[in-house]
Amino acid sequence: MKEEKREIQASPNKQLIMDIGKTKYTVNLHFKQGTGETYKDKILKLIKRETEKI
């Protein structure tokens, strides 16, 4: 049997846009493979960074 080779490719323009109050946040949802980082981690990191500014 032939072994199938598949590559996972995400489009480079995946973004999450959140409107919170008067501020609009954009999170780039691009990951390096093998880092184990999730969308939740990225979003929580953004929220933590923004709340520290206040």
PDB file of N, CA and C in Angstrom:
ATOM      1  N   MET A   1       0.834  -1.200   0.000  1.00  0.00           N
ATOM      2  CA  MET A   1       0.000   0.000   0.000  1.00  0.00           C
ATOM      3  C   MET A   1       0.870   1.252   0.000  1.00  0.00           C
ATOM      4  N   LYS A   2       0.390   2.259  -0.690  1.00  0.00           N
ATOM      5  CA  LYS A   2       1.110   3.534  -0.715  1.00  0.00           C
ATOM      6  C   LYS A   2       0.774   4.340   0.537  1.00  0.00           C
ATOM      7  N   GLU A   3       1.776   5.001   1.055  1.00  0.00           N
ATOM      8  CA  GLU A   3       1.571   5.850   2.227  1.00  0.00           C
ATOM      9  C   GLU A   3       1.189   7.248   1.755  1.00  0.00           C
ATOM     10  N   GLU A   4       0.112   7.764   2.328  1.00  0.00           N
ATOM     11  CA  GLU A   4      -0.347   9.097   1.939  1.00  0.00           C
ATOM     12  C   GLU A   4       0.409  10.150   2.734  1.00  0.00           C
ATOM     13  N   LYS A   5       0.877  11.163   2.049  1.00  0.00           N
ATOM     14  CA  LYS A   5       1.547  12.274   2.736  1.00  0.00           C
ATOM     15  C   LYS A   5       0.610  13.473   2.716  1.00  0.00           C
ATOM     16  N   ARG A   6       0.364  13.993   3.871  1.00  0.00           N
ATOM     17  CA  ARG A   6      -0.517  15.157   3.968  1.00  0.00           C
ATOM     18  C   ARG A   6       0.192  16.248   4.742  1.00  0.00           C
ATOM     19  N   GLU A   7       0.053  17.452   4.267  1.00  0.00           N
ATOM     20  CA  GLU A   7       0.605  18.606   4.976  1.00  0.00           C
ATOM     21  C   GLU A   7      -0.551  19.477   5.439  1.00  0.00           C
ATOM     22  N   ILE A   8      -0.457  19.922   6.658  1.00  0.00           N
ATOM     23  CA  ILE A   8      -1.489  20.816   7.186  1.00  0.00           C
ATOM     24  C   ILE A   8      -1.060  22.245   6.871  1.00  0.00           C
ATOM     25  N   GLN A   9      -1.887  22.917   6.097  1.00  0.00           N
ATOM     26  CA  GLN A   9      -1.568  24.304   5.740  1.00  0.00           C
ATOM     27  C   GLN A   9      -2.746  25.194   6.113  1.00  0.00           C
ATOM     28  N   ALA A  10      -2.462  26.208   6.892  1.00  0.00           N
ATOM     29  CA  ALA A  10      -3.480  27.183   7.257  1.00  0.00           C
ATOM     30  C   ALA A  10      -3.256  28.428   6.415  1.00  0.00           C
ATOM     31  N   SER A  11      -4.354  29.070   6.048  1.00  0.00           N
ATOM     32  CA  SER A  11      -4.193  30.298   5.283  1.00  0.00           C
ATOM     33  C   SER A  11      -3.536  31.346   6.171  1.00  0.00           C
ATOM     34  N   PRO A  12      -2.665  32.186   5.625  1.00  0.00           N
ATOM     35  CA  PRO A  12      -1.923  33.143   6.448  1.00  0.00           C
ATOM     36  C   PRO A  12      -2.780  34.283   6.996  1.00  0.00           C
ATOM     37  N   ASN A  13      -4.043  34.390   6.565  1.00  0.00           N
ATOM     38  CA  ASN A  13      -4.862  35.533   6.958  1.00  0.00           C
ATOM     39  C   ASN A  13      -5.922  35.211   7.998  1.00  0.00           C
ATOM     40  N   LYS A  14      -5.778  34.110   8.736  1.00  0.00           N
ATOM     41  CA  LYS A  14      -6.781  33.791   9.751  1.00  0.00           C
ATOM     42  C   LYS A  14      -6.627  34.751  10.919  1.00  0.00           C
ATOM     43  N   GLN A  15      -7.697  35.461  11.218  1.00  0.00           N
ATOM     44  CA  GLN A  15      -7.663  36.429  12.310  1.00  0.00           C
ATOM     45  C   GLN A  15      -8.969  36.382  13.080  1.00  0.00           C
ATOM     46  N   LEU A  16      -8.878  36.649  14.356  1.00  0.00           N
ATOM     47  CA  LEU A  16     -10.054  36.789  15.193  1.00  0.00           C
ATOM     48  C   LEU A  16     -10.155  38.264  15.540  1.00  0.00           C
ATOM     49  N   ILE A  17     -11.308  38.851  15.269  1.00  0.00           N
ATOM     50  CA  ILE A  17     -11.506  40.273  15.566  1.00  0.00           C
ATOM     51  C   ILE A  17     -12.550  40.370  16.671  1.00  0.00           C
ATOM     52  N   MET A  18     -12.180  41.019  17.774  1.00  0.00           N
ATOM     53  CA  MET A  18     -13.080  41.169  18.915  1.00  0.00           C
ATOM     54  C   MET A  18     -13.338  42.648  19.155  1.00  0.00           C
ATOM     55  N   ASP A  19     -14.608  43.004  19.249  1.00  0.00           N
ATOM     56  CA  ASP A  19     -14.979  44.367  19.620  1.00  0.00           C
ATOM     57  C   ASP A  19     -15.354  44.361  21.093  1.00  0.00           C
ATOM     58  N   ILE A  20     -14.548  45.015  21.919  1.00  0.00           N
ATOM     59  CA  ILE A  20     -14.831  45.093  23.348  1.00  0.00           C
ATOM     60  C   ILE A  20     -14.921  46.572  23.694  1.00  0.00           C
ATOM     61  N   GLY A  21     -16.131  47.005  23.960  1.00  0.00           N
ATOM     62  CA  GLY A  21     -16.329  48.419  24.251  1.00  0.00           C
ATOM     63  C   GLY A  21     -15.987  49.265  23.038  1.00  0.00           C
ATOM     64  N   LYS A  22     -15.112  50.252  23.229  1.00  0.00           N
ATOM     65  CA  LYS A  22     -14.715  51.130  22.129  1.00  0.00           C
ATOM     66  C   LYS A  22     -13.479  50.618  21.414  1.00  0.00           C
ATOM     67  N   THR A  23     -12.907  49.515  21.911  1.00  0.00           N
ATOM     68  CA  THR A  23     -11.642  49.022  21.372  1.00  0.00           C
ATOM     69  C   THR A  23     -11.864  47.792  20.516  1.00  0.00           C
ATOM     70  N   LYS A  24     -11.139  47.733  19.422  1.00  0.00           N
ATOM     71  CA  LYS A  24     -11.223  46.584  18.523  1.00  0.00           C
ATOM     72  C   LYS A  24      -9.890  45.844  18.582  1.00  0.00           C
ATOM     73  N   TYR A  25      -9.927  44.565  18.928  1.00  0.00           N
ATOM     74  CA  TYR A  25      -8.717  43.749  19.036  1.00  0.00           C
ATOM     75  C   TYR A  25      -8.658  42.768  17.879  1.00  0.00           C
ATOM     76  N   THR A  26      -7.486  42.583  17.336  1.00  0.00           N
ATOM     77  CA  THR A  26      -7.285  41.603  16.279  1.00  0.00           C
ATOM     78  C   THR A  26      -6.222  40.618  16.740  1.00  0.00           C
ATOM     79  N   VAL A  27      -6.583  39.333  16.718  1.00  0.00           N
ATOM     80  CA  VAL A  27      -5.642  38.284  17.113  1.00  0.00           C
ATOM     81  C   VAL A  27      -5.303  37.480  15.872  1.00  0.00           C
ATOM     82  N   ASN A  28      -4.026  37.405  15.546  1.00  0.00           N
ATOM     83  CA  ASN A  28      -3.613  36.565  14.425  1.00  0.00           C
ATOM     84  C   ASN A  28      -3.623  35.120  14.886  1.00  0.00           C
ATOM     85  N   LEU A  29      -4.361  34.283  14.161  1.00  0.00           N
ATOM     86  CA  LEU A  29      -4.487  32.886  14.562  1.00  0.00           C
ATOM     87  C   LEU A  29      -3.570  32.018  13.716  1.00  0.00           C
ATOM     88  N   HIS A  30      -2.289  32.318  13.736  1.00  0.00           N
ATOM     89  CA  HIS A  30      -1.318  31.518  12.992  1.00  0.00           C
ATOM     90  C   HIS A  30      -0.363  30.892  14.001  1.00  0.00           C
ATOM     91  N   PHE A  31      -0.157  29.615  13.862  1.00  0.00           N
ATOM     92  CA  PHE A  31       0.679  28.904  14.822  1.00  0.00           C
ATOM     93  C   PHE A  31       1.816  28.197  14.123  1.00  0.00           C
ATOM     94  N   LYS A  32       2.942  28.140  14.796  1.00  0.00           N
ATOM     95  CA  LYS A  32       4.027  27.281  14.328  1.00  0.00           C
ATOM     96  C   LYS A  32       3.663  25.876  14.779  1.00  0.00           C
ATOM     97  N   GLN A  33       3.826  24.910  13.907  1.00  0.00           N
ATOM     98  CA  GLN A  33       3.463  23.545  14.265  1.00  0.00           C
ATOM     99  C   GLN A  33       4.366  23.025  15.376  1.00  0.00           C
ATOM    100  N   GLY A  34       3.770  22.289  16.293  1.00  0.00           N
ATOM    101  CA  GLY A  34       4.545  21.648  17.345  1.00  0.00           C
ATOM    102  C   GLY A  34       4.763  22.475  18.600  1.00  0.00           C
ATOM    103  N   THR A  35       4.195  23.693  18.666  1.00  0.00           N
ATOM    104  CA  THR A  35       4.396  24.510  19.867  1.00  0.00           C
ATOM    105  C   THR A  35       3.398  24.163  20.960  1.00  0.00           C
ATOM    106  N   GLY A  36       2.278  23.576  20.596  1.00  0.00           N
ATOM    107  CA  GLY A  36       1.268  23.203  21.585  1.00  0.00           C
ATOM    108  C   GLY A  36       0.413  24.367  22.040  1.00  0.00           C
ATOM    109  N   GLU A  37       0.574  25.530  21.421  1.00  0.00           N
ATOM    110  CA  GLU A  37      -0.214  26.705  21.796  1.00  0.00           C
ATOM    111  C   GLU A  37      -1.607  26.591  21.169  1.00  0.00           C
ATOM    112  N   THR A  38      -2.629  26.985  21.907  1.00  0.00           N
ATOM    113  CA  THR A  38      -3.996  26.898  21.404  1.00  0.00           C
ATOM    114  C   THR A  38      -4.561  28.295  21.172  1.00  0.00           C
ATOM    115  N   TYR A  39      -5.724  28.346  20.501  1.00  0.00           N
ATOM    116  CA  TYR A  39      -6.399  29.629  20.289  1.00  0.00           C
ATOM    117  C   TYR A  39      -6.710  30.268  21.639  1.00  0.00           C
ATOM    118  N   LYS A  40      -7.147  29.450  22.587  1.00  0.00           N
ATOM    119  CA  LYS A  40      -7.478  29.955  23.923  1.00  0.00           C
ATOM    120  C   LYS A  40      -6.265  30.624  24.564  1.00  0.00           C
ATOM    121  N   ASP A  41      -5.084  30.000  24.429  1.00  0.00           N
ATOM    122  CA  ASP A  41      -3.860  30.583  24.990  1.00  0.00           C
ATOM    123  C   ASP A  41      -3.572  31.949  24.383  1.00  0.00           C
ATOM    124  N   LYS A  42      -3.716  32.055  23.061  1.00  0.00           N
ATOM    125  CA  LYS A  42      -3.434  33.333  22.385  1.00  0.00           C
ATOM    126  C   LYS A  42      -4.400  34.419  22.838  1.00  0.00           C
ATOM    127  N   ILE A  43      -5.686  34.070  22.941  1.00  0.00           N
ATOM    128  CA  ILE A  43      -6.701  35.052  23.328  1.00  0.00           C
ATOM    129  C   ILE A  43      -6.484  35.495  24.772  1.00  0.00           C
ATOM    130  N   LEU A  44      -6.206  34.545  25.668  1.00  0.00           N
ATOM    131  CA  LEU A  44      -5.962  34.897  27.069  1.00  0.00           C
ATOM    132  C   LEU A  44      -4.717  35.758  27.223  1.00  0.00           C
ATOM    133  N   LYS A  45      -3.692  35.482  26.418  1.00  0.00           N
ATOM    134  CA  LYS A  45      -2.458  36.275  26.455  1.00  0.00           C
ATOM    135  C   LYS A  45      -2.746  37.719  26.030  1.00  0.00           C
ATOM    136  N   LEU A  46      -3.579  37.891  24.991  1.00  0.00           N
ATOM    137  CA  LEU A  46      -3.947  39.228  24.523  1.00  0.00           C
ATOM    138  C   LEU A  46      -4.727  39.974  25.600  1.00  0.00           C
ATOM    139  N   ILE A  47      -5.712  39.302  26.201  1.00  0.00           N
ATOM    140  CA  ILE A  47      -6.539  39.953  27.218  1.00  0.00           C
ATOM    141  C   ILE A  47      -5.686  40.344  28.424  1.00  0.00           C
ATOM    142  N   LYS A  48      -4.783  39.469  28.839  1.00  0.00           N
ATOM    143  CA  LYS A  48      -3.905  39.768  29.977  1.00  0.00           C
ATOM    144  C   LYS A  48      -3.021  40.971  29.672  1.00  0.00           C
ATOM    145  N   ARG A  49      -2.464  41.013  28.453  1.00  0.00           N
ATOM    146  CA  ARG A  49      -1.588  42.118  28.064  1.00  0.00           C
ATOM    147  C   ARG A  49      -2.356  43.437  28.050  1.00  0.00           C
ATOM    148  N   GLU A  50      -3.593  43.406  27.535  1.00  0.00           N
ATOM    149  CA  GLU A  50      -4.378  44.638  27.448  1.00  0.00           C
ATOM    150  C   GLU A  50      -4.844  45.114  28.820  1.00  0.00           C
ATOM    151  N   THR A  51      -5.171  44.185  29.721  1.00  0.00           N
ATOM    152  CA  THR A  51      -5.635  44.615  31.044  1.00  0.00           C
ATOM    153  C   THR A  51      -4.489  45.157  31.883  1.00  0.00           C
ATOM    154  N   GLU A  52      -3.263  44.714  31.613  1.00  0.00           N
ATOM    155  CA  GLU A  52      -2.110  45.251  32.343  1.00  0.00           C
ATOM    156  C   GLU A  52      -1.848  46.710  31.976  1.00  0.00           C
ATOM    157  N   LYS A  53      -2.238  47.120  30.766  1.00  0.00           N
ATOM    158  CA  LYS A  53      -2.035  48.509  30.325  1.00  0.00           C
ATOM    159  C   LYS A  53      -2.921  49.475  31.097  1.00  0.00           C
ATOM    160  N   ILE A  54      -4.082  48.992  31.526  1.00  0.00           N
ATOM    161  CA  ILE A  54      -5.080  49.867  32.175  1.00  0.00           C
ATOM    162  C   ILE A  54      -4.656  50.215  33.595  1.00  0.00           C
TER     163      ILE A  54
END
